[in-house]
PDB file of N, CA and C in Angstrom:
ATOM      1  N   MET A   1     111.175 161.388 119.972  1.00  0.00           N
ATOM      2  CA  MET A   1     110.066 160.592 119.467  1.00  0.00           C
ATOM      3  C   MET A   1     109.303 160.018 120.654  1.00  0.00           C
ATOM      4  N   ARG A   2     108.001 160.114 120.525  1.00  0.00           N
ATOM      5  CA  ARG A   2     107.148 159.518 121.559  1.00  0.00           C
ATOM      6  C   ARG A   2     106.840 158.070 121.193  1.00  0.00           C
ATOM      7  N   GLN A   3     106.719 157.244 122.207  1.00  0.00           N
ATOM      8  CA  GLN A   3     106.281 155.859 122.045  1.00  0.00           C
ATOM      9  C   GLN A   3     104.874 155.776 122.628  1.00  0.00           C
ATOM     10  N   MET A   4     103.939 155.195 121.885  1.00  0.00           N
ATOM     11  CA  MET A   4     102.586 155.008 122.403  1.00  0.00           C
ATOM     12  C   MET A   4     102.183 153.560 122.235  1.00  0.00           C
ATOM     13  N   THR A   5     101.555 153.026 123.272  1.00  0.00           N
ATOM     14  CA  THR A   5     100.968 151.697 123.152  1.00  0.00           C
ATOM     15  C   THR A   5      99.759 151.802 122.236  1.00  0.00           C
ATOM     16  N   ALA A   6      99.239 150.664 121.836  1.00  0.00           N
ATOM     17  CA  ALA A   6      98.060 150.661 120.972  1.00  0.00           C
ATOM     18  C   ALA A   6      96.881 151.361 121.650  1.00  0.00           C
ATOM     19  N   ILE A   7      96.682 151.106 122.920  1.00  0.00           N
ATOM     20  CA  ILE A   7      95.565 151.722 123.646  1.00  0.00           C
ATOM     21  C   ILE A   7      95.784 153.228 123.784  1.00  0.00           C
ATOM     22  N   GLU A   8      97.011 153.637 124.091  1.00  0.00           N
ATOM     23  CA  GLU A   8      97.305 155.067 124.174  1.00  0.00           C
ATOM     24  C   GLU A   8      97.073 155.750 122.825  1.00  0.00           C
ATOM     25  N   LEU A   9      97.501 155.093 121.754  1.00  0.00           N
ATOM     26  CA  LEU A   9      97.312 155.683 120.430  1.00  0.00           C
ATOM     27  C   LEU A   9      95.831 155.736 120.065  1.00  0.00           C
ATOM     28  N   ARG A  10      95.099 154.678 120.361  1.00  0.00           N
ATOM     29  CA  ARG A  10      93.647 154.683 120.098  1.00  0.00           C
ATOM     30  C   ARG A  10      92.993 155.873 120.798  1.00  0.00           C
ATOM     31  N   ASP A  11      93.328 156.078 122.068  1.00  0.00           N
ATOM     32  CA  ASP A  11      92.738 157.177 122.830  1.00  0.00           C
ATOM     33  C   ASP A  11      93.190 158.539 122.295  1.00  0.00           C
ATOM     34  N   PHE A  12      94.442 158.629 121.890  1.00  0.00           N
ATOM     35  CA  PHE A  12      94.982 159.860 121.320  1.00  0.00           C
ATOM     36  C   PHE A  12      94.261 160.205 120.021  1.00  0.00           C
ATOM     37  N   LEU A  13      94.095 159.216 119.148  1.00  0.00           N
ATOM     38  CA  LEU A  13      93.408 159.446 117.873  1.00  0.00           C
ATOM     39  C   LEU A  13      91.941 159.799 118.085  1.00  0.00           C
ATOM     40  N   ALA A  14      91.336 159.258 119.146  1.00  0.00           N
ATOM     41  CA  ALA A  14      89.925 159.514 119.434  1.00  0.00           C
ATOM     42  C   ALA A  14      89.665 160.977 119.813  1.00  0.00           C
ATOM     43  N   THR A  15      90.709 161.708 120.180  1.00  0.00           N
ATOM     44  CA  THR A  15      90.534 163.125 120.521  1.00  0.00           C
ATOM     45  C   THR A  15      90.316 163.973 119.276  1.00  0.00           C
ATOM     46  N   GLY A  16      90.529 163.375 118.103  1.00  0.00           N
ATOM     47  CA  GLY A  16      90.343 164.110 116.862  1.00  0.00           C
ATOM     48  C   GLY A  16      91.571 164.870 116.409  1.00  0.00           C
ATOM     49  N   VAL A  17      92.682 164.669 117.083  1.00  0.00           N
ATOM     50  CA  VAL A  17      93.923 165.348 116.695  1.00  0.00           C
ATOM     51  C   VAL A  17      94.287 164.957 115.266  1.00  0.00           C
ATOM     52  N   SER A  18      94.801 165.910 114.534  1.00  0.00           N
ATOM     53  CA  SER A  18      95.207 165.669 113.152  1.00  0.00           C
ATOM     54  C   SER A  18      96.553 164.953 113.142  1.00  0.00           C
ATOM     55  N   THR A  19      96.602 163.823 112.459  1.00  0.00           N
ATOM     56  CA  THR A  19      97.848 163.067 112.350  1.00  0.00           C
ATOM     57  C   THR A  19      98.050 162.607 110.912  1.00  0.00           C
ATOM     58  N   VAL A  20      99.284 162.286 110.609  1.00  0.00           N
ATOM     59  CA  VAL A  20      99.633 161.629 109.362  1.00  0.00           C
ATOM     60  C   VAL A  20     100.140 160.255 109.761  1.00  0.00           C
ATOM     61  N   LYS A  21      99.400 159.221 109.403  1.00  0.00           N
ATOM     62  CA  LYS A  21      99.780 157.854 109.758  1.00  0.00           C
ATOM     63  C   LYS A  21     100.537 157.247 108.577  1.00  0.00           C
ATOM     64  N   ILE A  22     101.765 156.779 108.855  1.00  0.00           N
ATOM     65  CA  ILE A  22     102.593 156.173 107.815  1.00  0.00           C
ATOM     66  C   ILE A  22     102.895 154.735 108.214  1.00  0.00           C
ATOM     67  N   ASP A  23     102.478 153.814 107.370  1.00  0.00           N
ATOM     68  CA  ASP A  23     102.683 152.385 107.579  1.00  0.00           C
ATOM     69  C   ASP A  23     103.909 151.974 106.778  1.00  0.00           C
ATOM     70  N   VAL A  24     104.963 151.529 107.466  1.00  0.00           N
ATOM     71  CA  VAL A  24     106.225 151.221 106.798  1.00  0.00           C
ATOM     72  C   VAL A  24     106.416 149.725 106.530  1.00  0.00           C
ATOM     73  N   ARG A  25     105.338 148.947 106.682  1.00  0.00           N
ATOM     74  CA  ARG A  25     105.437 147.516 106.410  1.00  0.00           C
ATOM     75  C   ARG A  25     105.520 147.259 104.904  1.00  0.00           C
ATOM     76  N   GLU A  26     105.858 146.031 104.567  1.00  0.00           N
ATOM     77  CA  GLU A  26     105.874 145.610 103.171  1.00  0.00           C
ATOM     78  C   GLU A  26     104.425 145.407 102.703  1.00  0.00           C
ATOM     79  N   SER A  27     104.215 145.504 101.416  1.00  0.00           N
ATOM     80  CA  SER A  27     102.867 145.385 100.843  1.00  0.00           C
ATOM     81  C   SER A  27     102.174 144.091 101.248  1.00  0.00           C
ATOM     82  N   VAL A  28     102.907 142.992 101.305  1.00  0.00           N
ATOM     83  CA  VAL A  28     102.296 141.697 101.635  1.00  0.00           C
ATOM     84  C   VAL A  28     101.763 141.653 103.067  1.00  0.00           C
ATOM     85  N   GLU A  29     102.234 142.544 103.916  1.00  0.00           N
ATOM     86  CA  GLU A  29     101.788 142.563 105.313  1.00  0.00           C
ATOM     87  C   GLU A  29     100.459 143.283 105.501  1.00  0.00           C
ATOM     88  N   LEU A  30     100.059 144.093 104.543  1.00  0.00           N
ATOM     89  CA  LEU A  30      98.857 144.910 104.694  1.00  0.00           C
ATOM     90  C   LEU A  30      97.589 144.072 104.768  1.00  0.00           C
ATOM     91  N   LYS A  31      97.641 142.856 104.266  1.00  0.00           N
ATOM     92  CA  LYS A  31      96.458 141.983 104.301  1.00  0.00           C
ATOM     93  C   LYS A  31      96.021 141.661 105.736  1.00  0.00           C
ATOM     94  N   TYR A  32      96.904 141.845 106.699  1.00  0.00           N
ATOM     95  CA  TYR A  32      96.580 141.539 108.098  1.00  0.00           C
ATOM     96  C   TYR A  32      95.824 142.670 108.788  1.00  0.00           C
ATOM     97  N   GLY A  33      95.736 143.811 108.130  1.00  0.00           N
ATOM     98  CA  GLY A  33      95.015 144.952 108.677  1.00  0.00           C
ATOM     99  C   GLY A  33      95.817 146.231 108.561  1.00  0.00           C
ATOM    100  N   VAL A  34      95.103 147.332 108.431  1.00  0.00           N
ATOM    101  CA  VAL A  34      95.735 148.654 108.341  1.00  0.00           C
ATOM    102  C   VAL A  34      94.934 149.641 109.178  1.00  0.00           C
ATOM    103  N   LEU A  35      95.590 150.689 109.601  1.00  0.00           N
ATOM    104  CA  LEU A  35      94.884 151.766 110.291  1.00  0.00           C
ATOM    105  C   LEU A  35      94.273 152.678 109.242  1.00  0.00           C
ATOM    106  N   GLU A  36      93.056 153.118 109.517  1.00  0.00           N
ATOM    107  CA  GLU A  36      92.325 153.968 108.588  1.00  0.00           C
ATOM    108  C   GLU A  36      93.135 155.209 108.226  1.00  0.00           C
ATOM    109  N   ASP A  37      93.105 155.557 106.951  1.00  0.00           N
ATOM    110  CA  ASP A  37      93.759 156.753 106.417  1.00  0.00           C
ATOM    111  C   ASP A  37      95.283 156.724 106.506  1.00  0.00           C
ATOM    112  N   SER A  38      95.868 155.551 106.667  1.00  0.00           N
ATOM    113  CA  SER A  38      97.329 155.509 106.714  1.00  0.00           C
ATOM    114  C   SER A  38      97.906 155.507 105.302  1.00  0.00           C
ATOM    115  N   ILE A  39      99.084 156.073 105.203  1.00  0.00           N
ATOM    116  CA  ILE A  39      99.833 156.126 103.946  1.00  0.00           C
ATOM    117  C   ILE A  39     100.812 154.966 103.981  1.00  0.00           C
ATOM    118  N   HIS A  40     100.837 154.183 102.926  1.00  0.00           N
ATOM    119  CA  HIS A  40     101.764 153.053 102.892  1.00  0.00           C
ATOM    120  C   HIS A  40     103.051 153.452 102.176  1.00  0.00           C
ATOM    121  N   ILE A  41     104.162 153.435 102.925  1.00  0.00           N
ATOM    122  CA  ILE A  41     105.489 153.660 102.356  1.00  0.00           C
ATOM    123  C   ILE A  41     106.408 152.609 102.976  1.00  0.00           C
ATOM    124  N   PRO A  42     106.752 151.560 102.245  1.00  0.00           N
ATOM    125  CA  PRO A  42     107.645 150.542 102.812  1.00  0.00           C
ATOM    126  C   PRO A  42     108.929 151.178 103.353  1.00  0.00           C
ATOM    127  N   MET A  43     109.433 150.617 104.431  1.00  0.00           N
ATOM    128  CA  MET A  43     110.589 151.166 105.131  1.00  0.00           C
ATOM    129  C   MET A  43     111.732 151.550 104.185  1.00  0.00           C
ATOM    130  N   GLN A  44     112.074 150.671 103.283  1.00  0.00           N
ATOM    131  CA  GLN A  44     113.212 150.925 102.394  1.00  0.00           C
ATOM    132  C   GLN A  44     112.959 152.094 101.439  1.00  0.00           C
ATOM    133  N   SER A  45     111.699 152.466 101.249  1.00  0.00           N
ATOM    134  CA  SER A  45     111.361 153.542 100.317  1.00  0.00           C
ATOM    135  C   SER A  45     111.313 154.915 100.978  1.00  0.00           C
ATOM    136  N   VAL A  46     111.308 154.963 102.292  1.00  0.00           N
ATOM    137  CA  VAL A  46     111.138 156.245 102.987  1.00  0.00           C
ATOM    138  C   VAL A  46     112.211 157.266 102.593  1.00  0.00           C
ATOM    139  N   PRO A  47     113.510 156.910 102.571  1.00  0.00           N
ATOM    140  CA  PRO A  47     114.504 157.934 102.195  1.00  0.00           C
ATOM    141  C   PRO A  47     114.245 158.536 100.812  1.00  0.00           C
ATOM    142  N   ASN A  48     113.772 157.734  99.871  1.00  0.00           N
ATOM    143  CA  ASN A  48     113.496 158.242  98.521  1.00  0.00           C
ATOM    144  C   ASN A  48     112.216 159.064  98.455  1.00  0.00           C
ATOM    145  N   LYS A  49     111.398 159.024  99.505  1.00  0.00           N
ATOM    146  CA  LYS A  49     110.122 159.748  99.532  1.00  0.00           C
ATOM    147  C   LYS A  49     110.197 161.021 100.383  1.00  0.00           C
ATOM    148  N   LEU A  50     111.390 161.393 100.828  1.00  0.00           N
ATOM    149  CA  LEU A  50     111.514 162.558 101.708  1.00  0.00           C
ATOM    150  C   LEU A  50     110.927 163.819 101.091  1.00  0.00           C
ATOM    151  N   ASN A  51     111.112 164.023  99.803  1.00  0.00           N
ATOM    152  CA  ASN A  51     110.541 165.221  99.164  1.00  0.00           C
ATOM    153  C   ASN A  51     109.030 165.243  99.314  1.00  0.00           C
ATOM    154  N   GLU A  52     108.383 164.078  99.150  1.00  0.00           N
ATOM    155  CA  GLU A  52     106.927 163.996  99.302  1.00  0.00           C
ATOM    156  C   GLU A  52     106.510 164.191 100.764  1.00  0.00           C
ATOM    157  N   LEU A  53     107.357 163.732 101.679  1.00  0.00           N
ATOM    158  CA  LEU A  53     107.024 163.814 103.108  1.00  0.00           C
ATOM    159  C   LEU A  53     107.282 165.190 103.702  1.00  0.00           C
ATOM    160  N   GLU A  54     108.044 166.035 103.018  1.00  0.00           N
ATOM    161  CA  GLU A  54     108.366 167.374 103.524  1.00  0.00           C
ATOM    162  C   GLU A  54     107.129 168.153 103.951  1.00  0.00           C
ATOM    163  N   GLN A  55     106.024 167.974 103.240  1.00  0.00           N
ATOM    164  CA  GLN A  55     104.803 168.717 103.557  1.00  0.00           C
ATOM    165  C   GLN A  55     104.278 168.389 104.958  1.00  0.00           C
ATOM    166  N   TYR A  56     104.721 167.286 105.523  1.00  0.00           N
ATOM    167  CA  TYR A  56     104.266 166.847 106.853  1.00  0.00           C
ATOM    168  C   TYR A  56     105.291 167.119 107.952  1.00  0.00           C
ATOM    169  N   LYS A  57     106.334 167.866 107.640  1.00  0.00           N
ATOM    170  CA  LYS A  57     107.468 168.039 108.557  1.00  0.00           C
ATOM    171  C   LYS A  57     107.060 168.539 109.946  1.00  0.00           C
ATOM    172  N   ASP A  58     106.056 169.392 110.014  1.00  0.00           N
ATOM    173  CA  ASP A  58     105.636 169.939 111.306  1.00  0.00           C
ATOM    174  C   ASP A  58     104.333 169.335 111.819  1.00  0.00           C
ATOM    175  N   ASP A  59     103.833 168.310 111.134  1.00  0.00           N
ATOM    176  CA  ASP A  59     102.615 167.620 111.564  1.00  0.00           C
ATOM    177  C   ASP A  59     102.953 166.506 112.554  1.00  0.00           C
ATOM    178  N   THR A  60     101.929 166.002 113.205  1.00  0.00           N
ATOM    179  CA  THR A  60     102.095 164.829 114.060  1.00  0.00           C
ATOM    180  C   THR A  60     102.081 163.600 113.174  1.00  0.00           C
ATOM    181  N   ILE A  61     103.188 162.874 113.185  1.00  0.00           N
ATOM    182  CA  ILE A  61     103.328 161.685 112.354  1.00  0.00           C
ATOM    183  C   ILE A  61     103.299 160.455 113.245  1.00  0.00           C
ATOM    184  N   VAL A  62     102.437 159.508 112.891  1.00  0.00           N
ATOM    185  CA  VAL A  62     102.362 158.222 113.591  1.00  0.00           C
ATOM    186  C   VAL A  62     102.961 157.171 112.668  1.00  0.00           C
ATOM    187  N   LEU A  63     103.971 156.470 113.156  1.00  0.00           N
ATOM    188  CA  LEU A  63     104.632 155.439 112.365  1.00  0.00           C
ATOM    189  C   LEU A  63     104.196 154.052 112.820  1.00  0.00           C
ATOM    190  N   ILE A  64     103.958 153.194 111.835  1.00  0.00           N
ATOM    191  CA  ILE A  64     103.346 151.884 112.089  1.00  0.00           C
ATOM    192  C   ILE A  64     104.136 150.809 111.346  1.00  0.00           C
ATOM    193  N   CYS A  65     104.370 149.688 112.021  1.00  0.00           N
ATOM    194  CA  CYS A  65     104.891 148.493 111.364  1.00  0.00           C
ATOM    195  C   CYS A  65     104.296 147.275 112.075  1.00  0.00           C
ATOM    196  N   ARG A  66     104.884 146.118 111.917  1.00  0.00           N
ATOM    197  CA  ARG A  66     104.322 144.903 112.517  1.00  0.00           C
ATOM    198  C   ARG A  66     104.492 144.900 114.034  1.00  0.00           C
ATOM    199  N   ALA A  67     105.709 145.190 114.518  1.00  0.00           N
ATOM    200  CA  ALA A  67     105.979 145.067 115.946  1.00  0.00           C
ATOM    201  C   ALA A  67     106.565 146.325 116.581  1.00  0.00           C
ATOM    202  N   GLY A  68     106.786 147.362 115.788  1.00  0.00           N
ATOM    203  CA  GLY A  68     107.273 148.629 116.336  1.00  0.00           C
ATOM    204  C   GLY A  68     108.750 148.890 116.157  1.00  0.00           C
ATOM    205  N   GLN A  69     109.487 147.944 115.620  1.00  0.00           N
ATOM    206  CA  GLN A  69     110.932 148.145 115.476  1.00  0.00           C
ATOM    207  C   GLN A  69     111.298 148.897 114.208  1.00  0.00           C
ATOM    208  N   ARG A  70     110.741 148.490 113.080  1.00  0.00           N
ATOM    209  CA  ARG A  70     111.029 149.210 111.830  1.00  0.00           C
ATOM    210  C   ARG A  70     110.529 150.645 111.912  1.00  0.00           C
ATOM    211  N   SER A  71     109.324 150.815 112.437  1.00  0.00           N
ATOM    212  CA  SER A  71     108.774 152.168 112.547  1.00  0.00           C
ATOM    213  C   SER A  71     109.616 153.027 113.491  1.00  0.00           C
ATOM    214  N   ASN A  72     110.177 152.431 114.530  1.00  0.00           N
ATOM    215  CA  ASN A  72     111.058 153.163 115.438  1.00  0.00           C
ATOM    216  C   ASN A  72     112.303 153.641 114.696  1.00  0.00           C
ATOM    217  N   GLN A  73     112.878 152.783 113.864  1.00  0.00           N
ATOM    218  CA  GLN A  73     114.059 153.171 113.087  1.00  0.00           C
ATOM    219  C   GLN A  73     113.726 154.316 112.133  1.00  0.00           C
ATOM    220  N   ILE A  74     112.573 154.245 111.499  1.00  0.00           N
ATOM    221  CA  ILE A  74     112.157 155.320 110.594  1.00  0.00           C
ATOM    222  C   ILE A  74     111.905 156.601 111.385  1.00  0.00           C
ATOM    223  N   GLY A  75     111.362 156.476 112.584  1.00  0.00           N
ATOM    224  CA  GLY A  75     111.150 157.650 113.423  1.00  0.00           C
ATOM    225  C   GLY A  75     112.449 158.360 113.751  1.00  0.00           C
ATOM    226  N   ILE A  76     113.469 157.599 114.093  1.00  0.00           N
ATOM    227  CA  ILE A  76     114.786 158.181 114.366  1.00  0.00           C
ATOM    228  C   ILE A  76     115.301 158.902 113.119  1.00  0.00           C
ATOM    229  N   PHE A  77     115.163 158.252 111.975  1.00  0.00           N
ATOM    230  CA  PHE A  77     115.598 158.846 110.706  1.00  0.00           C
ATOM    231  C   PHE A  77     114.845 160.151 110.430  1.00  0.00           C
ATOM    232  N   LEU A  78     113.525 160.128 110.574  1.00  0.00           N
ATOM    233  CA  LEU A  78     112.738 161.338 110.291  1.00  0.00           C
ATOM    234  C   LEU A  78     113.103 162.475 111.235  1.00  0.00           C
ATOM    235  N   GLU A  79     113.325 162.165 112.499  1.00  0.00           N
ATOM    236  CA  GLU A  79     113.744 163.210 113.433  1.00  0.00           C
ATOM    237  C   GLU A  79     115.090 163.796 113.023  1.00  0.00           C
ATOM    238  N   GLN A  80     115.999 162.953 112.553  1.00  0.00           N
ATOM    239  CA  GLN A  80     117.294 163.451 112.074  1.00  0.00           C
ATOM    240  C   GLN A  80     117.118 164.351 110.853  1.00  0.00           C
ATOM    241  N   MET A  81     116.052 164.120 110.103  1.00  0.00           N
ATOM    242  CA  MET A  81     115.757 164.921 108.911  1.00  0.00           C
ATOM    243  C   MET A  81     114.937 166.167 109.246  1.00  0.00           C
ATOM    244  N   GLY A  82     114.676 166.406 110.530  1.00  0.00           N
ATOM    245  CA  GLY A  82     114.008 167.632 110.948  1.00  0.00           C
ATOM    246  C   GLY A  82     112.523 167.535 111.228  1.00  0.00           C
ATOM    247  N   PHE A  83     111.960 166.319 111.209  1.00  0.00           N
ATOM    248  CA  PHE A  83     110.545 166.163 111.552  1.00  0.00           C
ATOM    249  C   PHE A  83     110.402 166.354 113.057  1.00  0.00           C
ATOM    250  N   THR A  84     109.378 167.108 113.453  1.00  0.00           N
ATOM    251  CA  THR A  84     109.340 167.611 114.827  1.00  0.00           C
ATOM    252  C   THR A  84     108.413 166.868 115.785  1.00  0.00           C
ATOM    253  N   ASP A  85     107.449 166.114 115.279  1.00  0.00           N
ATOM    254  CA  ASP A  85     106.475 165.466 116.170  1.00  0.00           C
ATOM    255  C   ASP A  85     106.185 164.054 115.666  1.00  0.00           C
ATOM    256  N   VAL A  86     106.996 163.110 116.117  1.00  0.00           N
ATOM    257  CA  VAL A  86     106.924 161.741 115.625  1.00  0.00           C
ATOM    258  C   VAL A  86     106.496 160.810 116.752  1.00  0.00           C
ATOM    259  N   ILE A  87     105.538 159.945 116.444  1.00  0.00           N
ATOM    260  CA  ILE A  87     105.044 158.945 117.397  1.00  0.00           C
ATOM    261  C   ILE A  87     105.271 157.569 116.786  1.00  0.00           C
ATOM    262  N   ASN A  88     105.815 156.649 117.578  1.00  0.00           N
ATOM    263  CA  ASN A  88     105.959 155.262 117.157  1.00  0.00           C
ATOM    264  C   ASN A  88     104.895 154.429 117.858  1.00  0.00           C
ATOM    265  N   LEU A  89     104.186 153.608 117.079  1.00  0.00           N
ATOM    266  CA  LEU A  89     103.220 152.671 117.669  1.00  0.00           C
ATOM    267  C   LEU A  89     104.011 151.512 118.267  1.00  0.00           C
ATOM    268  N   ASP A  90     104.182 151.559 119.582  1.00  0.00           N
ATOM    269  CA  ASP A  90     104.939 150.538 120.301  1.00  0.00           C
ATOM    270  C   ASP A  90     104.196 149.204 120.219  1.00  0.00           C
ATOM    271  N   GLY A  91     104.862 148.191 119.714  1.00  0.00           N
ATOM    272  CA  GLY A  91     104.217 146.896 119.535  1.00  0.00           C
ATOM    273  C   GLY A  91     103.567 146.740 118.183  1.00  0.00           C
ATOM    274  N   GLY A  92     103.489 147.836 117.422  1.00  0.00           N
ATOM    275  CA  GLY A  92     103.010 147.821 116.051  1.00  0.00           C
ATOM    276  C   GLY A  92     101.594 147.299 115.874  1.00  0.00           C
ATOM    277  N   MET A  93     101.338 146.842 114.665  1.00  0.00           N
ATOM    278  CA  MET A  93     100.007 146.343 114.327  1.00  0.00           C
ATOM    279  C   MET A  93      99.649 145.078 115.105  1.00  0.00           C
ATOM    280  N   ASN A  94     100.653 144.326 115.539  1.00  0.00           N
ATOM    281  CA  ASN A  94     100.335 143.157 116.365  1.00  0.00           C
ATOM    282  C   ASN A  94      99.714 143.595 117.689  1.00  0.00           C
ATOM    283  N   ALA A  95     100.236 144.658 118.284  1.00  0.00           N
ATOM    284  CA  ALA A  95      99.646 145.180 119.523  1.00  0.00           C
ATOM    285  C   ALA A  95      98.259 145.755 119.250  1.00  0.00           C
ATOM    286  N   TRP A  96      98.108 146.428 118.116  1.00  0.00           N
ATOM    287  CA  TRP A  96      96.796 146.990 117.752  1.00  0.00           C
ATOM    288  C   TRP A  96      95.768 145.863 117.611  1.00  0.00           C
ATOM    289  N   ALA A  97      96.171 144.795 116.915  1.00  0.00           N
ATOM    290  CA  ALA A  97      95.269 143.656 116.694  1.00  0.00           C
ATOM    291  C   ALA A  97      94.931 142.947 118.002  1.00  0.00           C
ATOM    292  N   LYS A  98      95.844 142.921 118.918  1.00  0.00           N
ATOM    293  CA  LYS A  98      95.628 142.240 120.203  1.00  0.00           C
ATOM    294  C   LYS A  98      94.809 143.093 121.168  1.00  0.00           C
ATOM    295  N   ASP A  99      95.099 144.398 121.210  1.00  0.00           N
ATOM    296  CA  ASP A  99      94.535 145.249 122.258  1.00  0.00           C
ATOM    297  C   ASP A  99      93.402 146.172 121.810  1.00  0.00           C
ATOM    298  N   VAL A 100      93.290 146.454 120.516  1.00  0.00           N
ATOM    299  CA  VAL A 100      92.316 147.440 120.059  1.00  0.00           C
ATOM    300  C   VAL A 100      91.300 146.842 119.087  1.00  0.00           C
ATOM    301  N   ASP A 101      91.782 146.235 118.024  1.00  0.00           N
ATOM    302  CA  ASP A 101      90.891 145.722 116.988  1.00  0.00           C
ATOM    303  C   ASP A 101      91.143 144.226 116.780  1.00  0.00           C
ATOM    304  N   THR A 102      90.445 143.418 117.529  1.00  0.00           N
ATOM    305  CA  THR A 102      90.693 141.974 117.497  1.00  0.00           C
ATOM    306  C   THR A 102      90.193 141.314 116.212  1.00  0.00           C
ATOM    307  N   SER A 103      89.564 142.081 115.315  1.00  0.00           N
ATOM    308  CA  SER A 103      89.208 141.528 114.010  1.00  0.00           C
ATOM    309  C   SER A 103      90.430 141.432 113.106  1.00  0.00           C
ATOM    310  N   MET A 104      91.503 142.109 113.488  1.00  0.00           N
ATOM    311  CA  MET A 104      92.751 142.046 112.723  1.00  0.00           C
ATOM    312  C   MET A 104      93.556 140.831 113.174  1.00  0.00           C
ATOM    313  N   THR A 105      94.513 140.450 112.354  1.00  0.00           N
ATOM    314  CA  THR A 105      95.316 139.265 112.617  1.00  0.00           C
ATOM    315  C   THR A 105      96.646 139.622 113.233  1.00  0.00           C
ATOM    316  N   VAL A 106      97.007 138.925 114.310  1.00  0.00           N
ATOM    317  CA  VAL A 106      98.380 139.012 114.853  1.00  0.00           C
ATOM    318  C   VAL A 106      99.205 138.036 114.026  1.00  0.00           C
ATOM    319  N   TYR A 107     100.339 138.502 113.540  1.00  0.00           N
ATOM    320  CA  TYR A 107     101.183 137.636 112.702  1.00  0.00           C
ATOM    321  C   TYR A 107     102.633 137.778 113.045  1.00  0.00           C
TER     322      TYR A 107
END
């Protein structure tokens, strides 16, 4: 699994590369901001959604949470399940809000 800072991820996404962004935060956290086109699947629901996620097994998956820890755990899990290209947003949405989109809230 690759780790990317918010700035690295912003620059990576700006290249137009196709990604599947999965936000593993709880629903109540989404009010602080979300990345465009991200799929919301709370961390605890990911194992039950594996059948739905199979279609993305060989795609570039970007995992997002508040600070990067939950998404990192999900990244490890997905790699164990055979997902081949997983990126964790290091520092999560708090880093994104601080370094990329200051209109979002750090919480």
